[in-house]
Amino acid sequence: MGHSTSPPAPDVRVHVNVFHLSAHSTPGRQVFTYVIRIENHSEETWQLLARHWQIVDAGGRQTVVDGEGVVGEQPVIPPGGVFVYDSFVTVQDTPGRMEGHYVMQDAWGMRAQVPILPFVLEVPGERMLN
């Protein structure tokens, strides 16, 4: 096992919707909820083992989150299957940005990373003020 090339990411697609929670936010603490939809377009069953997030706020403060599964689960997503969950994130200064990946494992124990493309944490209407 000399040169290990990482396996290509499976055809698992991640869609994110973000909502600013103004009622829960205060200056210096902006709260967002995000809804994630994971769609398995591959021929294999994949289990979500872990998540990795990088969160950066407008002031350049960076937070890295690593954890097992999502919302306390390690969901198994069959071919054609979908898993949806929601969670929260707080940033000090907006606009912020989040991106990351999931670690997935197939039925044979092979692992792969599924990217979560960057998305913006912004307060609606904020940009017009600048």
Protein backbone atom coordinates (compact mmCIF):
# COMPACT_ATOMS: atom_id res chain seq x y z
CA MET A 1 0.00 0.00 0.00
CA GLY A 2 2.35 2.69 -1.22
CA HIS A 3 0.76 5.66 -2.92
CA SER A 4 -2.86 5.85 -1.81
CA THR A 5 -5.05 7.90 -4.07
CA SER A 6 -8.19 9.06 -2.37
CA PRO A 7 -11.26 7.53 -3.96
CA PRO A 8 -13.45 9.80 -6.06
CA ALA A 9 -16.30 11.33 -4.13
CA PRO A 10 -19.53 9.41 -4.56
CA ASP A 11 -22.41 11.06 -6.40
CA VAL A 12 -23.94 12.37 -3.20
CA ARG A 13 -25.25 15.94 -3.46
CA VAL A 14 -25.63 18.40 -0.63
CA HIS A 15 -28.11 21.29 -0.83
CA VAL A 16 -28.26 24.01 1.84
CA ASN A 17 -30.92 26.58 2.70
CA VAL A 18 -29.98 29.26 5.24
CA PHE A 19 -32.30 31.49 7.27
CA HIS A 20 -31.35 34.38 9.56
CA LEU A 21 -33.11 34.22 12.93
CA SER A 22 -33.49 37.93 13.70
CA ALA A 23 -35.56 37.28 16.82
CA HIS A 24 -32.67 35.31 18.35
CA SER A 25 -29.88 37.58 17.13
CA THR A 26 -28.21 40.49 18.88
CA PRO A 27 -25.35 42.75 17.77
CA GLY A 28 -22.22 40.63 17.86
CA ARG A 29 -24.23 37.40 17.87
CA GLN A 30 -26.05 36.62 14.66
CA VAL A 31 -27.93 33.32 14.71
CA PHE A 32 -28.76 31.33 11.59
CA THR A 33 -30.54 28.07 11.01
CA TYR A 34 -29.65 25.94 8.01
CA VAL A 35 -31.52 23.08 6.42
CA ILE A 36 -29.41 20.45 4.67
CA ARG A 37 -30.69 17.98 2.12
CA ILE A 38 -28.35 15.10 1.27
CA GLU A 39 -29.31 13.19 -1.88
CA ASN A 40 -27.69 9.89 -2.81
CA HIS A 41 -27.52 9.74 -6.61
CA SER A 42 -25.04 6.85 -6.61
CA GLU A 43 -25.64 3.11 -7.00
CA GLU A 44 -24.32 2.39 -3.51
CA THR A 45 -25.66 2.82 0.00
CA TRP A 46 -23.63 5.38 1.95
CA GLN A 47 -23.54 6.06 5.66
CA LEU A 48 -22.68 9.52 6.98
CA LEU A 49 -20.01 8.96 9.63
CA ALA A 50 -18.71 12.44 10.40
CA ARG A 51 -18.89 16.11 9.54
CA HIS A 52 -16.25 18.80 9.17
CA TRP A 53 -17.17 22.49 9.06
CA GLN A 54 -15.16 25.66 8.64
CA ILE A 55 -17.01 28.81 9.67
CA VAL A 56 -15.50 32.25 9.04
CA ASP A 57 -17.14 35.51 10.06
CA ALA A 58 -16.72 38.95 8.51
CA GLY A 59 -13.96 39.77 10.99
CA GLY A 60 -11.95 36.75 9.88
CA ARG A 61 -12.63 34.71 13.01
CA GLN A 62 -12.52 31.04 12.08
CA THR A 63 -14.23 28.14 13.81
CA VAL A 64 -13.62 24.51 12.88
CA VAL A 65 -16.20 21.92 13.89
CA ASP A 66 -15.53 18.20 13.68
CA GLY A 67 -18.05 15.70 14.94
CA GLU A 68 -19.61 12.32 14.50
CA GLY A 69 -22.64 12.15 12.26
CA VAL A 70 -25.26 14.88 12.13
CA VAL A 71 -27.96 15.74 14.69
CA GLY A 72 -26.92 12.76 16.79
CA GLU A 73 -27.34 10.30 13.94
CA GLN A 74 -25.13 8.51 11.46
CA PRO A 75 -27.79 8.11 8.78
CA VAL A 76 -27.66 5.37 6.17
CA ILE A 77 -28.78 6.70 2.79
CA PRO A 78 -29.70 4.08 0.17
CA PRO A 79 -29.43 4.67 -3.60
CA GLY A 80 -31.97 7.33 -4.51
CA GLY A 81 -32.45 8.13 -0.84
CA VAL A 82 -32.55 11.53 0.82
CA PHE A 83 -31.71 12.67 4.35
CA VAL A 84 -32.79 16.11 5.56
CA TYR A 85 -31.84 17.80 8.83
CA ASP A 86 -31.52 21.26 10.27
CA SER A 87 -29.09 22.87 12.68
CA PHE A 88 -27.94 26.24 13.98
CA VAL A 89 -24.82 28.36 13.74
CA THR A 90 -23.81 31.64 15.37
CA VAL A 91 -21.33 34.19 14.01
CA GLN A 92 -20.09 37.40 15.58
CA ASP A 93 -19.94 39.56 12.44
CA THR A 94 -21.81 39.08 9.17
CA PRO A 95 -21.59 38.21 6.42
CA GLY A 96 -20.06 34.90 7.40
CA ARG A 97 -19.28 31.82 5.36
CA MET A 98 -19.56 28.10 6.01
CA GLU A 99 -18.16 25.18 4.09
CA GLY A 100 -16.98 21.68 4.80
CA HIS A 101 -17.43 18.03 4.00
CA TYR A 102 -19.03 14.84 5.18
CA VAL A 103 -17.12 11.60 5.66
CA MET A 104 -19.21 8.82 4.13
CA GLN A 105 -18.67 5.06 4.17
CA ASP A 106 -20.05 2.44 1.81
CA ALA A 107 -21.18 -1.08 2.66
CA TRP A 108 -17.61 -2.41 2.22
CA GLY A 109 -16.15 0.09 4.64
CA MET A 110 -14.58 2.31 2.00
CA ARG A 111 -14.62 5.96 3.03
CA ALA A 112 -14.97 9.03 0.89
CA GLN A 113 -15.43 12.76 1.40
CA VAL A 114 -18.49 14.56 0.11
CA PRO A 115 -17.91 18.30 -0.20
CA ILE A 116 -20.30 20.90 1.19
CA LEU A 117 -19.84 23.95 -1.00
CA PRO A 118 -19.43 27.35 0.68
CA PHE A 119 -22.58 29.22 1.59
CA VAL A 120 -23.08 32.70 3.02
CA LEU A 121 -24.48 33.65 6.41
CA GLU A 122 -25.89 37.12 5.85
CA VAL A 123 -28.55 39.33 7.34
CA PRO A 124 -31.21 40.12 4.71
CA GLY A 125 -30.89 43.66 3.42
CA GLU A 126 -27.54 44.18 5.12
CA ARG A 127 -25.60 44.60 1.91
CA MET A 128 -27.64 47.60 0.79
CA LEU A 129 -26.44 49.56 3.81
CA ASN A 130 -22.78 49.40 2.84
